[in-house]
Amino acid sequence: LIEKKLIFINPEFTLYGNQPDLPIVLRSQLNEYLKSIESQADPLQNYPHQVAAYLEKIKLAQNPYEKTPKYSYEMLDKGILCKSCGENHLREGHRSLLCSSCGLSETKSSAIERMIEEYRLLFPDRKFTPTILKEWCGNVVSLDLCGRVLRKYLRSN
């Protein structure tokens, strides 16, 4: 038996003029309603398990409707973008990068870690070295710093 109910889960919600014959469950009635469902439920038969096994068996490895954009490393713009506004207007300080668009300051190490995660998301099977990381960051950070941050990142992940 399938019933339809409108369930309000917000504890701050109040419904004025509720009529008892409407299929409405308020937050204060939810525990009692769930107990009543539980007490009425039949023990599981084998059929739901068979359906679940069948669905698992026919599950597609890749969604044919998923549209993944085609891109390559060479065609993408390189460089660190501001994590706040997304602009590529970063000025280099001693240990930080300052966005001239929104004024956000971020440490170089933090920005490089973001770039590592971005690269690994876009190119999960591609080799990753400090030289590639430096190029991916738009050559605005030193090779030495890229190497240190990459080693630290790989140790922690």
N, C-alpha and C. Protein backbone atom coordinates (compact mmCIF):
# COMPACT_ATOMS: atom_id res chain seq x y z
N LEU A 1 0.85 -1.18 0.00
CA LEU A 1 0.00 0.00 0.00
C LEU A 1 0.89 1.24 0.00
N ILE A 2 0.65 2.12 -0.92
CA ILE A 2 1.42 3.36 -1.01
C ILE A 2 0.52 4.52 -0.61
N GLU A 3 1.03 5.30 0.35
CA GLU A 3 0.30 6.48 0.81
C GLU A 3 1.09 7.72 0.44
N LYS A 4 0.39 8.79 0.21
CA LYS A 4 1.08 10.06 -0.02
C LYS A 4 0.89 10.93 1.21
N LYS A 5 1.99 11.53 1.65
CA LYS A 5 1.96 12.43 2.81
C LYS A 5 2.84 13.63 2.50
N LEU A 6 2.44 14.76 3.01
CA LEU A 6 3.25 15.97 2.94
C LEU A 6 3.90 16.12 4.31
N ILE A 7 5.23 16.04 4.33
CA ILE A 7 5.94 16.04 5.61
C ILE A 7 6.74 17.34 5.74
N PHE A 8 6.47 18.07 6.82
CA PHE A 8 7.20 19.29 7.13
C PHE A 8 8.23 18.97 8.20
N ILE A 9 9.52 19.09 7.86
CA ILE A 9 10.56 18.71 8.81
C ILE A 9 11.18 19.90 9.54
N ASN A 10 10.87 21.11 9.12
CA ASN A 10 11.42 22.30 9.76
C ASN A 10 10.79 22.47 11.15
N PRO A 11 11.60 22.43 12.22
CA PRO A 11 11.04 22.56 13.57
C PRO A 11 10.43 23.94 13.84
N GLU A 12 10.80 24.94 13.06
CA GLU A 12 10.28 26.29 13.24
C GLU A 12 8.93 26.50 12.54
N PHE A 13 8.52 25.55 11.69
CA PHE A 13 7.32 25.70 10.90
C PHE A 13 6.06 25.46 11.74
N THR A 14 5.08 26.32 11.57
CA THR A 14 3.77 26.14 12.21
C THR A 14 2.71 26.23 11.12
N LEU A 15 1.79 25.27 11.14
CA LEU A 15 0.71 25.26 10.16
C LEU A 15 -0.58 25.61 10.88
N TYR A 16 -1.17 26.73 10.52
CA TYR A 16 -2.41 27.16 11.14
C TYR A 16 -3.58 26.64 10.31
N GLY A 17 -4.63 26.24 10.97
CA GLY A 17 -5.84 25.78 10.29
C GLY A 17 -5.68 24.41 9.64
N ASN A 18 -4.81 23.57 10.18
CA ASN A 18 -4.61 22.23 9.63
C ASN A 18 -5.86 21.39 9.86
N GLN A 19 -6.31 20.74 8.82
CA GLN A 19 -7.47 19.86 8.94
C GLN A 19 -6.98 18.43 9.11
N PRO A 20 -7.51 17.69 10.09
CA PRO A 20 -7.02 16.34 10.39
C PRO A 20 -7.12 15.36 9.22
N ASP A 21 -8.02 15.60 8.28
CA ASP A 21 -8.18 14.66 7.17
C ASP A 21 -7.15 14.87 6.05
N LEU A 22 -6.34 15.95 6.11
CA LEU A 22 -5.32 16.18 5.11
C LEU A 22 -4.10 15.30 5.40
N PRO A 23 -3.43 14.78 4.35
CA PRO A 23 -2.28 13.90 4.56
C PRO A 23 -1.00 14.69 4.88
N ILE A 24 -1.01 15.34 6.04
CA ILE A 24 0.10 16.19 6.45
C ILE A 24 0.71 15.65 7.74
N VAL A 25 2.05 15.61 7.78
CA VAL A 25 2.78 15.21 8.99
C VAL A 25 3.70 16.36 9.36
N LEU A 26 3.52 16.89 10.57
CA LEU A 26 4.36 17.97 11.05
C LEU A 26 5.57 17.38 11.78
N ARG A 27 6.58 18.20 12.01
CA ARG A 27 7.81 17.74 12.66
C ARG A 27 7.51 17.08 14.01
N SER A 28 6.59 17.64 14.75
CA SER A 28 6.27 17.09 16.08
C SER A 28 5.58 15.73 15.98
N GLN A 29 5.03 15.39 14.81
CA GLN A 29 4.35 14.11 14.62
C GLN A 29 5.22 13.07 13.92
N LEU A 30 6.41 13.46 13.53
CA LEU A 30 7.24 12.61 12.68
C LEU A 30 7.64 11.30 13.34
N ASN A 31 8.10 11.33 14.60
CA ASN A 31 8.52 10.09 15.27
C ASN A 31 7.37 9.10 15.36
N GLU A 32 6.22 9.58 15.73
CA GLU A 32 5.04 8.71 15.84
C GLU A 32 4.66 8.14 14.47
N TYR A 33 4.75 8.95 13.44
CA TYR A 33 4.42 8.50 12.09
C TYR A 33 5.40 7.41 11.63
N LEU A 34 6.69 7.60 11.89
CA LEU A 34 7.68 6.59 11.50
C LEU A 34 7.47 5.28 12.25
N LYS A 35 7.11 5.37 13.52
CA LYS A 35 6.81 4.15 14.29
C LYS A 35 5.61 3.42 13.72
N SER A 36 4.60 4.16 13.29
CA SER A 36 3.42 3.51 12.72
C SER A 36 3.76 2.82 11.39
N ILE A 37 4.62 3.42 10.60
CA ILE A 37 5.05 2.78 9.35
C ILE A 37 5.80 1.49 9.66
N GLU A 38 6.70 1.57 10.64
CA GLU A 38 7.50 0.41 11.02
C GLU A 38 6.62 -0.74 11.50
N SER A 39 5.60 -0.43 12.28
CA SER A 39 4.74 -1.49 12.82
C SER A 39 3.86 -2.12 11.74
N GLN A 40 3.57 -1.39 10.68
CA GLN A 40 2.73 -1.91 9.60
C GLN A 40 3.52 -2.66 8.54
N ALA A 41 4.82 -2.49 8.52
CA ALA A 41 5.64 -3.04 7.45
C ALA A 41 5.73 -4.56 7.55
N ASP A 42 5.63 -5.22 6.40
CA ASP A 42 5.83 -6.66 6.33
C ASP A 42 7.33 -6.93 6.33
N PRO A 43 7.71 -8.09 6.86
CA PRO A 43 9.13 -8.42 6.77
C PRO A 43 9.54 -8.53 5.29
N LEU A 44 10.77 -8.16 5.02
CA LEU A 44 11.24 -8.18 3.63
C LEU A 44 11.18 -9.58 3.04
N GLN A 45 10.63 -9.66 1.86
CA GLN A 45 10.63 -10.91 1.12
C GLN A 45 11.90 -10.93 0.26
N ASN A 46 12.07 -11.96 -0.50
CA ASN A 46 13.25 -12.09 -1.34
C ASN A 46 13.19 -11.18 -2.57
N TYR A 47 12.00 -10.79 -2.99
CA TYR A 47 11.84 -10.01 -4.22
C TYR A 47 12.65 -8.71 -4.23
N PRO A 48 12.62 -7.89 -3.18
CA PRO A 48 13.43 -6.65 -3.22
C PRO A 48 14.92 -6.94 -3.39
N HIS A 49 15.38 -8.04 -2.80
CA HIS A 49 16.79 -8.39 -2.94
C HIS A 49 17.10 -8.81 -4.38
N GLN A 50 16.16 -9.50 -5.01
CA GLN A 50 16.34 -9.91 -6.41
C GLN A 50 16.38 -8.68 -7.32
N VAL A 51 15.49 -7.73 -7.05
CA VAL A 51 15.48 -6.50 -7.85
C VAL A 51 16.79 -5.74 -7.67
N ALA A 52 17.27 -5.64 -6.43
CA ALA A 52 18.52 -4.93 -6.16
C ALA A 52 19.69 -5.63 -6.86
N ALA A 53 19.73 -6.95 -6.82
CA ALA A 53 20.80 -7.70 -7.49
C ALA A 53 20.76 -7.48 -9.00
N TYR A 54 19.55 -7.48 -9.56
CA TYR A 54 19.41 -7.27 -11.01
C TYR A 54 19.88 -5.86 -11.40
N LEU A 55 19.47 -4.86 -10.62
CA LEU A 55 19.88 -3.49 -10.92
C LEU A 55 21.39 -3.32 -10.81
N GLU A 56 21.98 -3.98 -9.83
CA GLU A 56 23.43 -3.92 -9.67
C GLU A 56 24.12 -4.58 -10.87
N LYS A 57 23.52 -5.67 -11.36
CA LYS A 57 24.10 -6.41 -12.48
C LYS A 57 24.08 -5.59 -13.78
N ILE A 58 23.02 -4.85 -14.01
CA ILE A 58 22.91 -4.11 -15.27
C ILE A 58 23.46 -2.69 -15.18
N LYS A 59 23.97 -2.32 -14.02
CA LYS A 59 24.48 -0.97 -13.84
C LYS A 59 25.59 -0.68 -14.85
N LEU A 60 25.50 0.44 -15.50
CA LEU A 60 26.48 0.82 -16.51
C LEU A 60 27.73 1.36 -15.84
N ALA A 61 28.87 1.01 -16.40
CA ALA A 61 30.13 1.51 -15.86
C ALA A 61 30.27 3.01 -16.11
N GLN A 62 29.74 3.46 -17.25
CA GLN A 62 29.83 4.88 -17.57
C GLN A 62 28.48 5.35 -18.08
N ASN A 63 28.07 6.49 -17.63
CA ASN A 63 26.79 7.06 -18.02
C ASN A 63 26.88 7.56 -19.47
N PRO A 64 26.07 7.01 -20.39
CA PRO A 64 26.15 7.45 -21.78
C PRO A 64 25.63 8.87 -22.00
N TYR A 65 24.91 9.41 -21.03
CA TYR A 65 24.34 10.75 -21.16
C TYR A 65 25.23 11.83 -20.53
N GLU A 66 26.27 11.40 -19.87
CA GLU A 66 27.17 12.35 -19.23
C GLU A 66 28.05 13.00 -20.30
N LYS A 67 28.05 14.30 -20.32
CA LYS A 67 28.83 15.02 -21.33
C LYS A 67 30.09 15.58 -20.68
N THR A 68 31.19 14.94 -20.93
CA THR A 68 32.46 15.40 -20.41
C THR A 68 33.13 16.26 -21.48
N PRO A 69 33.52 17.47 -21.12
CA PRO A 69 34.15 18.32 -22.13
C PRO A 69 35.49 17.74 -22.57
N LYS A 70 35.82 17.93 -23.82
CA LYS A 70 37.10 17.47 -24.36
C LYS A 70 38.12 18.59 -24.15
N TYR A 71 39.24 18.24 -23.53
CA TYR A 71 40.29 19.23 -23.31
C TYR A 71 41.62 18.51 -23.23
N SER A 72 42.67 19.27 -23.41
CA SER A 72 44.02 18.74 -23.25
C SER A 72 44.81 19.75 -22.42
N TYR A 73 45.93 19.28 -21.89
CA TYR A 73 46.79 20.14 -21.08
C TYR A 73 47.23 21.36 -21.88
N GLU A 74 47.58 21.13 -23.13
CA GLU A 74 48.12 22.20 -23.97
C GLU A 74 47.09 23.30 -24.25
N MET A 75 45.81 22.93 -24.35
CA MET A 75 44.81 23.93 -24.73
C MET A 75 44.32 24.78 -23.55
N LEU A 76 44.63 24.38 -22.32
CA LEU A 76 44.15 25.12 -21.14
C LEU A 76 45.10 26.25 -20.78
N ASP A 77 44.53 27.36 -20.30
CA ASP A 77 45.34 28.47 -19.81
C ASP A 77 45.99 28.05 -18.50
N LYS A 78 47.22 28.45 -18.32
CA LYS A 78 47.96 28.13 -17.10
C LYS A 78 47.96 29.36 -16.20
N GLY A 79 48.08 29.13 -14.91
CA GLY A 79 48.19 30.25 -13.98
C GLY A 79 47.29 30.07 -12.78
N ILE A 80 47.66 30.72 -11.70
CA ILE A 80 46.91 30.65 -10.46
C ILE A 80 45.82 31.71 -10.49
N LEU A 81 44.60 31.29 -10.23
CA LEU A 81 43.47 32.22 -10.17
C LEU A 81 43.17 32.53 -8.71
N CYS A 82 42.65 33.71 -8.46
CA CYS A 82 42.23 34.10 -7.11
C CYS A 82 41.14 33.15 -6.63
N LYS A 83 41.29 32.65 -5.42
CA LYS A 83 40.29 31.70 -4.92
C LYS A 83 38.99 32.39 -4.52
N SER A 84 39.00 33.70 -4.44
CA SER A 84 37.79 34.44 -4.08
C SER A 84 37.01 34.89 -5.31
N CYS A 85 37.68 35.59 -6.22
CA CYS A 85 36.96 36.16 -7.36
C CYS A 85 37.23 35.45 -8.68
N GLY A 86 38.24 34.56 -8.71
CA GLY A 86 38.53 33.80 -9.92
C GLY A 86 39.32 34.54 -10.98
N GLU A 87 39.77 35.74 -10.67
CA GLU A 87 40.53 36.53 -11.64
C GLU A 87 42.00 36.10 -11.64
N ASN A 88 42.69 36.40 -12.72
CA ASN A 88 44.11 36.08 -12.84
C ASN A 88 44.94 37.35 -12.69
N HIS A 89 44.62 38.14 -11.69
CA HIS A 89 45.32 39.41 -11.45
C HIS A 89 46.08 39.32 -10.12
N LEU A 90 46.95 38.33 -10.01
CA LEU A 90 47.67 38.13 -8.75
C LEU A 90 49.04 38.78 -8.83
N ARG A 91 49.36 39.56 -7.79
CA ARG A 91 50.69 40.16 -7.67
C ARG A 91 51.46 39.32 -6.66
N GLU A 92 52.71 39.09 -6.97
CA GLU A 92 53.54 38.23 -6.13
C GLU A 92 54.21 39.04 -5.03
N GLY A 93 54.03 38.57 -3.79
CA GLY A 93 54.75 39.13 -2.66
C GLY A 93 55.84 38.15 -2.26
N HIS A 94 56.42 38.36 -1.07
CA HIS A 94 57.50 37.47 -0.62
C HIS A 94 56.99 36.05 -0.40
N ARG A 95 55.93 35.90 0.40
CA ARG A 95 55.37 34.57 0.69
C ARG A 95 53.92 34.44 0.28
N SER A 96 53.39 35.47 -0.34
CA SER A 96 51.96 35.43 -0.65
C SER A 96 51.68 35.99 -2.04
N LEU A 97 50.44 35.76 -2.46
CA LEU A 97 49.94 36.31 -3.71
C LEU A 97 48.77 37.21 -3.36
N LEU A 98 48.75 38.41 -3.92
CA LEU A 98 47.71 39.39 -3.62
C LEU A 98 46.90 39.65 -4.89
N CYS A 99 45.59 39.51 -4.77
CA CYS A 99 44.71 39.75 -5.92
C CYS A 99 44.47 41.25 -6.04
N SER A 100 44.79 41.80 -7.20
CA SER A 100 44.58 43.24 -7.39
C SER A 100 43.12 43.55 -7.72
N SER A 101 42.31 42.51 -7.98
CA SER A 101 40.88 42.75 -8.25
C SER A 101 40.07 42.86 -6.96
N CYS A 102 40.25 41.89 -6.05
CA CYS A 102 39.41 41.88 -4.84
C CYS A 102 40.19 42.11 -3.55
N GLY A 103 41.53 42.10 -3.63
CA GLY A 103 42.33 42.38 -2.45
C GLY A 103 42.66 41.17 -1.59
N LEU A 104 42.23 39.97 -1.98
CA LEU A 104 42.49 38.78 -1.18
C LEU A 104 43.97 38.43 -1.22
N SER A 105 44.50 38.06 -0.06
CA SER A 105 45.88 37.61 0.03
C SER A 105 45.87 36.13 0.40
N GLU A 106 46.69 35.36 -0.29
CA GLU A 106 46.78 33.92 -0.04
C GLU A 106 48.24 33.52 -0.06
N THR A 107 48.63 32.62 0.83
CA THR A 107 50.02 32.17 0.81
C THR A 107 50.29 31.41 -0.48
N LYS A 108 51.52 31.48 -0.92
CA LYS A 108 51.90 30.77 -2.14
C LYS A 108 51.69 29.27 -1.97
N SER A 109 52.02 28.75 -0.79
CA SER A 109 51.87 27.31 -0.54
C SER A 109 50.42 26.87 -0.68
N SER A 110 49.52 27.65 -0.11
CA SER A 110 48.09 27.34 -0.20
C SER A 110 47.61 27.38 -1.65
N ALA A 111 48.06 28.38 -2.39
CA ALA A 111 47.66 28.50 -3.80
C ALA A 111 48.20 27.33 -4.61
N ILE A 112 49.43 26.92 -4.33
CA ILE A 112 50.02 25.79 -5.05
C ILE A 112 49.25 24.51 -4.73
N GLU A 113 48.86 24.32 -3.47
CA GLU A 113 48.06 23.13 -3.11
C GLU A 113 46.74 23.11 -3.88
N ARG A 114 46.11 24.27 -4.03
CA ARG A 114 44.87 24.34 -4.82
C ARG A 114 45.13 23.93 -6.26
N MET A 115 46.26 24.38 -6.80
CA MET A 115 46.59 24.05 -8.18
C MET A 115 46.89 22.56 -8.34
N ILE A 116 47.50 21.94 -7.32
CA ILE A 116 47.75 20.49 -7.35
C ILE A 116 46.42 19.75 -7.43
N GLU A 117 45.48 20.14 -6.57
CA GLU A 117 44.17 19.47 -6.56
C GLU A 117 43.44 19.68 -7.88
N GLU A 118 43.54 20.87 -8.43
CA GLU A 118 42.89 21.15 -9.72
C GLU A 118 43.50 20.28 -10.82
N TYR A 119 44.82 20.20 -10.85
CA TYR A 119 45.52 19.41 -11.86
C TYR A 119 45.15 17.93 -11.74
N ARG A 120 45.14 17.42 -10.52
CA ARG A 120 44.82 16.00 -10.31
C ARG A 120 43.37 15.69 -10.68
N LEU A 121 42.49 16.65 -10.51
CA LEU A 121 41.09 16.46 -10.91
C LEU A 121 40.97 16.42 -12.43
N LEU A 122 41.66 17.33 -13.10
CA LEU A 122 41.57 17.41 -14.56
C LEU A 122 42.36 16.31 -15.27
N PHE A 123 43.49 15.92 -14.68
CA PHE A 123 44.38 14.94 -15.32
C PHE A 123 44.77 13.84 -14.33
N PRO A 124 43.85 12.98 -13.93
CA PRO A 124 44.16 11.98 -12.90
C PRO A 124 45.21 10.96 -13.32
N ASP A 125 45.39 10.73 -14.60
CA ASP A 125 46.33 9.71 -15.06
C ASP A 125 47.65 10.29 -15.56
N ARG A 126 47.78 11.57 -15.52
CA ARG A 126 48.96 12.23 -16.08
C ARG A 126 50.05 12.38 -15.02
N LYS A 127 51.30 12.24 -15.45
CA LYS A 127 52.46 12.39 -14.56
C LYS A 127 52.51 13.81 -14.00
N PHE A 128 53.01 13.91 -12.77
CA PHE A 128 53.04 15.21 -12.09
C PHE A 128 54.40 15.42 -11.46
N THR A 129 55.11 16.45 -11.89
CA THR A 129 56.43 16.76 -11.36
C THR A 129 56.46 18.23 -10.94
N PRO A 130 57.47 18.63 -10.16
CA PRO A 130 57.58 20.04 -9.80
C PRO A 130 57.67 20.97 -11.03
N THR A 131 58.32 20.52 -12.09
CA THR A 131 58.43 21.33 -13.31
C THR A 131 57.06 21.54 -13.95
N ILE A 132 56.28 20.46 -14.03
CA ILE A 132 54.92 20.57 -14.58
C ILE A 132 54.07 21.46 -13.68
N LEU A 133 54.22 21.31 -12.36
CA LEU A 133 53.45 22.13 -11.42
C LEU A 133 53.79 23.61 -11.59
N LYS A 134 55.08 23.91 -11.74
CA LYS A 134 55.50 25.30 -11.94
C LYS A 134 54.86 25.88 -13.20
N GLU A 135 54.86 25.09 -14.28
CA GLU A 135 54.23 25.54 -15.53
C GLU A 135 52.72 25.69 -15.35
N TRP A 136 52.08 24.73 -14.63
CA TRP A 136 50.63 24.78 -14.39
C TRP A 136 50.26 26.04 -13.60
N CYS A 137 51.16 26.47 -12.73
CA CYS A 137 50.93 27.68 -11.93
C CYS A 137 51.25 28.96 -12.71
N GLY A 138 51.60 28.84 -13.97
CA GLY A 138 51.87 30.02 -14.79
C GLY A 138 53.25 30.59 -14.57
N ASN A 139 54.17 29.78 -14.04
CA ASN A 139 55.56 30.18 -13.79
C ASN A 139 55.68 31.39 -12.87
N VAL A 140 54.71 31.57 -11.97
CA VAL A 140 54.80 32.70 -11.04
C VAL A 140 55.39 32.30 -9.69
N VAL A 141 55.64 30.99 -9.50
CA VAL A 141 56.26 30.51 -8.26
C VAL A 141 57.51 29.74 -8.63
N SER A 142 58.43 29.65 -7.68
CA SER A 142 59.72 29.02 -7.98
C SER A 142 59.59 27.50 -8.06
N LEU A 143 60.51 26.90 -8.80
CA LEU A 143 60.56 25.44 -8.94
C LEU A 143 60.82 24.80 -7.58
N ASP A 144 61.67 25.44 -6.78
CA ASP A 144 62.00 24.92 -5.45
C ASP A 144 60.75 24.86 -4.56
N LEU A 145 59.98 25.93 -4.56
CA LEU A 145 58.75 25.97 -3.75
C LEU A 145 57.75 24.93 -4.26
N CYS A 146 57.63 24.80 -5.56
CA CYS A 146 56.72 23.78 -6.13
C CYS A 146 57.12 22.39 -5.66
N GLY A 147 58.41 22.11 -5.67
CA GLY A 147 58.90 20.80 -5.22
C GLY A 147 58.59 20.55 -3.76
N ARG A 148 58.84 21.56 -2.90
CA ARG A 148 58.57 21.40 -1.46
C ARG A 148 57.09 21.17 -1.19
N VAL A 149 56.24 21.98 -1.80
CA VAL A 149 54.79 21.86 -1.58
C VAL A 149 54.28 20.53 -2.12
N LEU A 150 54.78 20.12 -3.28
CA LEU A 150 54.34 18.84 -3.87
C LEU A 150 54.74 17.67 -2.99
N ARG A 151 55.98 17.67 -2.48
CA ARG A 151 56.42 16.58 -1.58
C ARG A 151 55.56 16.54 -0.32
N LYS A 152 55.30 17.70 0.27
CA LYS A 152 54.47 17.78 1.47
C LYS A 152 53.05 17.30 1.18
N TYR A 153 52.51 17.70 0.04
CA TYR A 153 51.15 17.31 -0.35
C TYR A 153 51.07 15.79 -0.54
N LEU A 154 52.04 15.22 -1.24
CA LEU A 154 52.01 13.78 -1.51
C LEU A 154 52.19 12.96 -0.24
N ARG A 155 52.97 13.47 0.72
CA ARG A 155 53.12 12.77 2.01
C ARG A 155 51.83 12.77 2.81
N SER A 156 51.08 13.86 2.74
CA SER A 156 49.86 13.97 3.55
C SER A 156 48.66 13.31 2.87
N ASN A 157 48.74 12.98 1.60
CA ASN A 157 47.61 12.36 0.90
C ASN A 157 47.93 10.97 0.49
